[in-house]
């Protein structure tokens, strides 16, 4: 029995070690890559080089990185705020309003997750042209305000909320908006934090819709910057790695800052 347990522990530690190396290696490679010249990155050099200053000079000298970073931050922050408000209210309605057609409507909303993005590109593009929102950050934020997955995520968490409290508040005369803002939302901080991390990552890494809707350099986001640099005729891969590191840092900081809430939110949402 002891030998069996020992063998299980060895296999578990070996698997965790391999998973750790596979997870950390891309970060190590991009940090090392930003210190090497383009030819050294192509050759697969895995040690730190002496070209960090040169790569940063290329990145900040040839591109308006500050403006692009501001564009990505503005779009991601406003999208997160909008998604949290719209999706949590929608989930509250689906969970706490009991009607005959509630589950049918909810099923249709969930079914829309099956529609591929490729099928929505042309209709969304034509809609933005018609409303005069093409090449604006407002158009990109507007089409991202409602997330079906986050509605589902919030509803799963709301299932754990005691319905007796909602009923007692209604009996006391509280309105639905007041119940939501004063009772439900403050009790779901972990769920909001987990949803915020997911929404931020999705918006920050978005590539296809910004590529279609944002058509000038002044409106570009960081993923478009990395794509532009990597598709150049002579790519400066060291500078590309520096741009990737710059675009990764905010997500790492946000995740580690909210990781406790993230774990609590994920755990709470899957209890049901």
Protein backbone atom coordinates (compact mmCIF):
# COMPACT_ATOMS: atom_id res chain seq x y z
CA UNK A 1 0.00 0.00 0.00
CA UNK A 2 2.84 2.37 0.92
CA UNK A 3 4.66 1.57 -2.35
CA UNK A 4 1.44 2.29 -4.28
CA UNK A 5 1.00 5.64 -2.57
CA UNK A 6 4.66 6.49 -3.18
CA UNK A 7 4.31 5.66 -6.89
CA UNK A 8 1.17 7.80 -7.10
CA UNK A 9 2.98 10.76 -5.48
CA UNK A 10 5.94 10.42 -7.85
CA UNK A 11 3.63 10.36 -10.89
CA UNK A 12 1.66 13.34 -9.56
CA UNK A 13 4.79 15.42 -8.90
CA UNK A 14 6.21 14.48 -12.31
CA UNK A 15 2.98 15.55 -14.04
CA UNK A 16 2.82 18.83 -12.06
CA UNK A 17 6.48 19.55 -12.85
CA UNK A 18 5.91 19.05 -16.59
CA UNK A 19 2.76 21.19 -16.47
CA UNK A 20 4.65 23.94 -14.59
CA UNK A 21 7.49 23.99 -17.14
CA UNK A 22 5.02 24.00 -20.06
CA UNK A 23 3.13 26.93 -18.47
CA UNK A 24 6.14 29.04 -17.55
CA UNK A 25 8.28 28.42 -20.64
CA UNK A 26 6.37 30.80 -23.00
CA UNK A 27 6.82 33.65 -20.48
CA UNK A 28 10.51 32.87 -20.09
CA UNK A 29 10.97 32.70 -23.88
CA UNK A 30 9.30 36.06 -24.56
CA UNK A 31 11.26 37.80 -21.77
CA UNK A 32 14.53 36.33 -23.06
CA UNK A 33 13.51 37.13 -26.64
CA UNK A 34 13.07 40.84 -25.91
CA UNK A 35 16.77 40.99 -24.90
CA UNK A 36 18.05 39.35 -28.10
CA UNK A 37 18.46 40.50 -31.71
CA UNK A 38 16.01 39.30 -34.38
CA UNK A 39 18.45 36.73 -35.79
CA UNK A 40 19.09 35.31 -32.31
CA UNK A 41 15.35 34.89 -31.70
CA UNK A 42 15.01 33.05 -35.03
CA UNK A 43 17.93 30.79 -34.10
CA UNK A 44 16.13 29.91 -30.85
CA UNK A 45 18.61 31.42 -28.39
CA UNK A 46 17.36 30.72 -24.88
CA UNK A 47 19.73 32.90 -22.84
CA UNK A 48 19.56 36.62 -22.10
CA UNK A 49 21.20 38.93 -24.67
CA UNK A 50 22.36 42.55 -24.84
CA UNK A 51 19.82 44.08 -27.21
CA UNK A 52 17.07 45.10 -24.78
CA UNK A 53 17.69 48.84 -25.19
CA UNK A 54 17.85 48.49 -28.99
CA UNK A 55 14.55 46.57 -29.10
CA UNK A 56 12.80 49.09 -26.85
CA UNK A 57 14.13 51.93 -29.01
CA UNK A 58 12.70 50.26 -32.12
CA UNK A 59 9.35 49.62 -30.40
CA UNK A 60 8.86 53.10 -28.93
CA UNK A 61 10.60 54.91 -31.79
CA UNK A 62 8.63 53.45 -34.70
CA UNK A 63 5.20 53.15 -33.05
CA UNK A 64 3.04 55.34 -30.83
CA UNK A 65 3.02 52.71 -28.09
CA UNK A 66 1.69 55.00 -25.35
CA UNK A 67 -1.37 55.91 -27.42
CA UNK A 68 -1.95 52.28 -28.44
CA UNK A 69 -1.64 51.13 -24.81
CA UNK A 70 -4.15 53.81 -23.80
CA UNK A 71 -6.54 52.64 -26.56
CA UNK A 72 -6.41 49.03 -25.34
CA UNK A 73 -6.84 50.09 -21.71
CA UNK A 74 -9.81 52.36 -22.46
CA UNK A 75 -11.62 49.72 -24.53
CA UNK A 76 -10.95 46.92 -22.02
CA UNK A 77 -11.97 48.92 -18.92
CA UNK A 78 -15.19 50.31 -20.44
CA UNK A 79 -16.06 46.87 -21.86
CA UNK A 80 -15.56 45.23 -18.46
CA UNK A 81 -17.74 47.80 -16.70
CA UNK A 82 -20.46 47.49 -19.33
CA UNK A 83 -20.42 43.70 -19.36
CA UNK A 84 -20.57 43.44 -15.57
CA UNK A 85 -23.58 45.78 -15.36
CA UNK A 86 -25.55 44.40 -18.32
CA UNK A 87 -24.78 40.71 -17.80
CA UNK A 88 -25.33 40.68 -14.02
CA UNK A 89 -28.70 42.45 -14.38
CA UNK A 90 -29.73 40.05 -17.13
CA UNK A 91 -28.73 37.06 -14.99
CA UNK A 92 -30.63 38.52 -12.01
CA UNK A 93 -33.75 38.75 -14.14
CA UNK A 94 -33.40 35.19 -15.44
CA UNK A 95 -32.84 33.78 -11.95
CA UNK A 96 -35.25 35.74 -9.74
CA UNK A 97 -38.14 36.56 -12.12
CA UNK A 98 -40.36 33.52 -12.52
CA UNK A 99 -42.37 33.46 -15.76
CA UNK A 100 -43.65 30.69 -18.02
CA UNK A 101 -41.32 31.53 -20.88
CA UNK A 102 -38.21 32.27 -18.75
CA UNK A 103 -36.36 29.04 -19.50
CA UNK A 104 -37.27 29.15 -23.20
CA UNK A 105 -35.85 32.67 -23.56
CA UNK A 106 -32.79 31.70 -21.53
CA UNK A 107 -32.27 28.65 -23.77
CA UNK A 108 -32.38 30.87 -26.86
CA UNK A 109 -29.82 33.22 -25.30
CA UNK A 110 -27.54 30.27 -24.51
CA UNK A 111 -28.04 28.92 -28.03
CA UNK A 112 -26.58 32.15 -29.45
CA UNK A 113 -23.20 31.05 -28.08
CA UNK A 114 -23.14 28.46 -30.87
CA UNK A 115 -23.14 31.16 -33.57
CA UNK A 116 -19.54 31.54 -34.81
CA UNK A 117 -17.93 34.97 -34.90
CA UNK A 118 -17.34 34.59 -38.65
CA UNK A 119 -21.12 34.61 -39.21
CA UNK A 120 -21.46 37.92 -37.33
CA UNK A 121 -18.62 39.87 -38.93
CA UNK A 122 -20.46 41.17 -41.99
CA UNK A 123 -23.73 42.10 -40.15
CA UNK A 124 -21.79 43.88 -37.40
CA UNK A 125 -19.63 45.73 -39.92
CA UNK A 126 -22.70 46.91 -41.88
CA UNK A 127 -24.40 47.93 -38.63
CA UNK A 128 -21.41 50.02 -37.54
CA UNK A 129 -21.26 51.69 -40.97
CA UNK A 130 -24.99 52.50 -40.81
CA UNK A 131 -24.72 54.00 -37.32
CA UNK A 132 -21.54 55.94 -38.15
CA UNK A 133 -19.51 54.02 -35.56
CA UNK A 134 -16.95 52.48 -37.92
CA UNK A 135 -13.36 53.19 -36.83
CA UNK A 136 -14.46 54.29 -33.36
CA UNK A 137 -13.83 52.71 -29.99
CA UNK A 138 -17.50 53.29 -29.08
CA UNK A 139 -18.62 50.87 -31.79
CA UNK A 140 -16.23 48.17 -30.59
CA UNK A 141 -17.35 48.62 -26.97
CA UNK A 142 -21.05 48.68 -27.93
CA UNK A 143 -21.02 45.25 -29.60
CA UNK A 144 -19.23 43.77 -26.55
CA UNK A 145 -21.56 45.03 -23.80
CA UNK A 146 -23.54 41.79 -23.47
CA UNK A 147 -21.68 38.50 -23.01
CA UNK A 148 -23.73 35.32 -23.06
CA UNK A 149 -21.09 33.38 -21.16
CA UNK A 150 -20.95 35.97 -18.36
CA UNK A 151 -24.77 35.94 -18.12
CA UNK A 152 -24.56 32.17 -17.67
CA UNK A 153 -21.71 32.59 -15.16
CA UNK A 154 -23.65 35.12 -13.06
CA UNK A 155 -26.85 33.04 -13.12
CA UNK A 156 -25.00 29.98 -11.85
CA UNK A 157 -23.67 32.06 -8.95
CA UNK A 158 -27.06 33.62 -8.22
CA UNK A 159 -28.46 30.10 -7.74
CA UNK A 160 -26.51 29.94 -4.47
CA UNK A 161 -28.04 33.21 -3.21
CA UNK A 162 -30.87 32.61 -0.67
CA UNK A 163 -34.15 33.44 -2.38
CA UNK A 164 -35.79 34.01 1.02
CA UNK A 165 -33.80 37.24 1.36
CA UNK A 166 -35.14 38.49 -1.99
CA UNK A 167 -38.69 37.61 -1.00
CA UNK A 168 -38.33 39.30 2.39
CA UNK A 169 -37.01 42.47 0.75
CA UNK A 170 -39.94 42.48 -1.67
CA UNK A 171 -42.39 42.07 1.20
CA UNK A 172 -40.75 45.05 2.93
CA UNK A 173 -41.46 47.13 -0.16
CA UNK A 174 -38.00 47.32 -1.70
CA UNK A 175 -37.88 47.73 -5.48
CA UNK A 176 -36.02 45.29 -7.71
CA UNK A 177 -33.30 47.82 -8.58
CA UNK A 178 -32.70 48.56 -4.91
CA UNK A 179 -32.65 44.83 -4.05
CA UNK A 180 -30.12 44.21 -6.78
CA UNK A 181 -27.84 47.13 -5.90
CA UNK A 182 -28.10 46.97 -2.09
CA UNK A 183 -28.42 43.24 -1.37
CA UNK A 184 -27.44 40.96 -4.25
CA UNK A 185 -24.51 42.76 -5.90
CA UNK A 186 -22.52 43.47 -2.68
CA UNK A 187 -22.79 39.79 -1.69
CA UNK A 188 -21.37 38.65 -5.05
CA UNK A 189 -17.98 40.43 -5.00
CA UNK A 190 -16.08 37.22 -5.80
CA UNK A 191 -18.32 36.51 -8.79
CA UNK A 192 -17.88 40.06 -10.09
CA UNK A 193 -14.09 39.78 -9.71
CA UNK A 194 -13.94 36.46 -11.58
CA UNK A 195 -16.20 37.80 -14.34
CA UNK A 196 -14.11 40.99 -14.53
CA UNK A 197 -10.91 39.00 -15.08
CA UNK A 198 -12.52 36.93 -17.83
CA UNK A 199 -14.06 39.99 -19.52
CA UNK A 200 -10.79 41.94 -19.33
CA UNK A 201 -8.76 39.07 -20.83
CA UNK A 202 -11.28 38.62 -23.64
CA UNK A 203 -11.37 42.31 -24.50
CA UNK A 204 -7.62 42.87 -24.06
CA UNK A 205 -6.73 39.97 -26.39
CA UNK A 206 -9.48 40.64 -28.95
CA UNK A 207 -8.04 40.69 -32.45
CA UNK A 208 -10.60 39.95 -35.17
CA UNK A 209 -13.28 42.58 -34.47
CA UNK A 210 -10.74 45.39 -33.75
CA UNK A 211 -9.02 44.42 -37.04
CA UNK A 212 -12.33 44.84 -38.91
CA UNK A 213 -13.70 47.93 -37.15
CA UNK A 214 -10.55 49.96 -36.34
CA UNK A 215 -8.97 51.05 -39.61
CA UNK A 216 -6.48 53.77 -38.68
CA UNK A 217 -3.24 53.72 -36.70
CA UNK A 218 -4.67 56.23 -34.19
CA UNK A 219 -7.36 53.72 -33.13
CA UNK A 220 -5.19 50.57 -33.01
CA UNK A 221 -4.92 48.25 -30.03
CA UNK A 222 -1.97 46.20 -28.76
CA UNK A 223 -2.91 42.92 -30.53
CA UNK A 224 -3.07 44.84 -33.83
CA UNK A 225 0.33 46.41 -33.06
CA UNK A 226 1.90 42.98 -32.46
CA UNK A 227 0.32 41.66 -35.66
CA UNK A 228 1.60 44.62 -37.66
CA UNK A 229 5.14 44.20 -36.33
CA UNK A 230 5.20 40.43 -36.88
CA UNK A 231 3.92 40.71 -40.46
CA UNK A 232 6.53 43.26 -41.55
CA UNK A 233 8.82 42.38 -44.45
CA UNK A 234 11.82 42.18 -42.07
CA UNK A 235 10.28 41.57 -38.62
CA UNK A 236 12.29 42.79 -35.65
CA UNK A 237 11.46 39.80 -33.49
CA UNK A 238 13.19 41.21 -30.43
CA UNK A 239 10.96 44.29 -30.58
CA UNK A 240 7.96 42.03 -31.23
CA UNK A 241 8.77 40.11 -28.04
CA UNK A 242 9.00 43.42 -26.15
CA UNK A 243 5.54 44.38 -27.44
CA UNK A 244 4.17 40.97 -26.35
CA UNK A 245 5.64 41.41 -22.86
CA UNK A 246 4.08 44.88 -22.64
CA UNK A 247 0.68 43.51 -23.66
CA UNK A 248 0.91 40.62 -21.19
CA UNK A 249 1.91 42.57 -18.07
CA UNK A 250 -1.53 44.14 -17.29
CA UNK A 251 -3.27 40.75 -17.42
CA UNK A 252 -0.68 39.19 -15.11
CA UNK A 253 -0.99 42.05 -12.61
CA UNK A 254 -4.80 41.95 -12.63
CA UNK A 255 -4.92 38.17 -12.27
CA UNK A 256 -2.53 38.07 -9.32
CA UNK A 257 -4.27 41.05 -7.73
CA UNK A 258 -7.70 39.36 -7.90
CA UNK A 259 -6.73 35.68 -7.85
CA UNK A 260 -8.33 35.01 -4.45
CA UNK A 261 -11.64 36.47 -5.62
CA UNK A 262 -11.22 34.62 -8.94
CA UNK A 263 -10.94 31.22 -7.22
CA UNK A 264 -13.89 31.99 -4.92
CA UNK A 265 -15.99 33.17 -7.87
CA UNK A 266 -15.23 30.13 -10.01
CA UNK A 267 -15.90 27.79 -7.08
CA UNK A 268 -19.20 29.47 -6.30
CA UNK A 269 -20.38 29.36 -9.91
CA UNK A 270 -19.85 25.61 -10.34
CA UNK A 271 -21.44 24.47 -7.09
CA UNK A 272 -24.69 23.95 -8.89
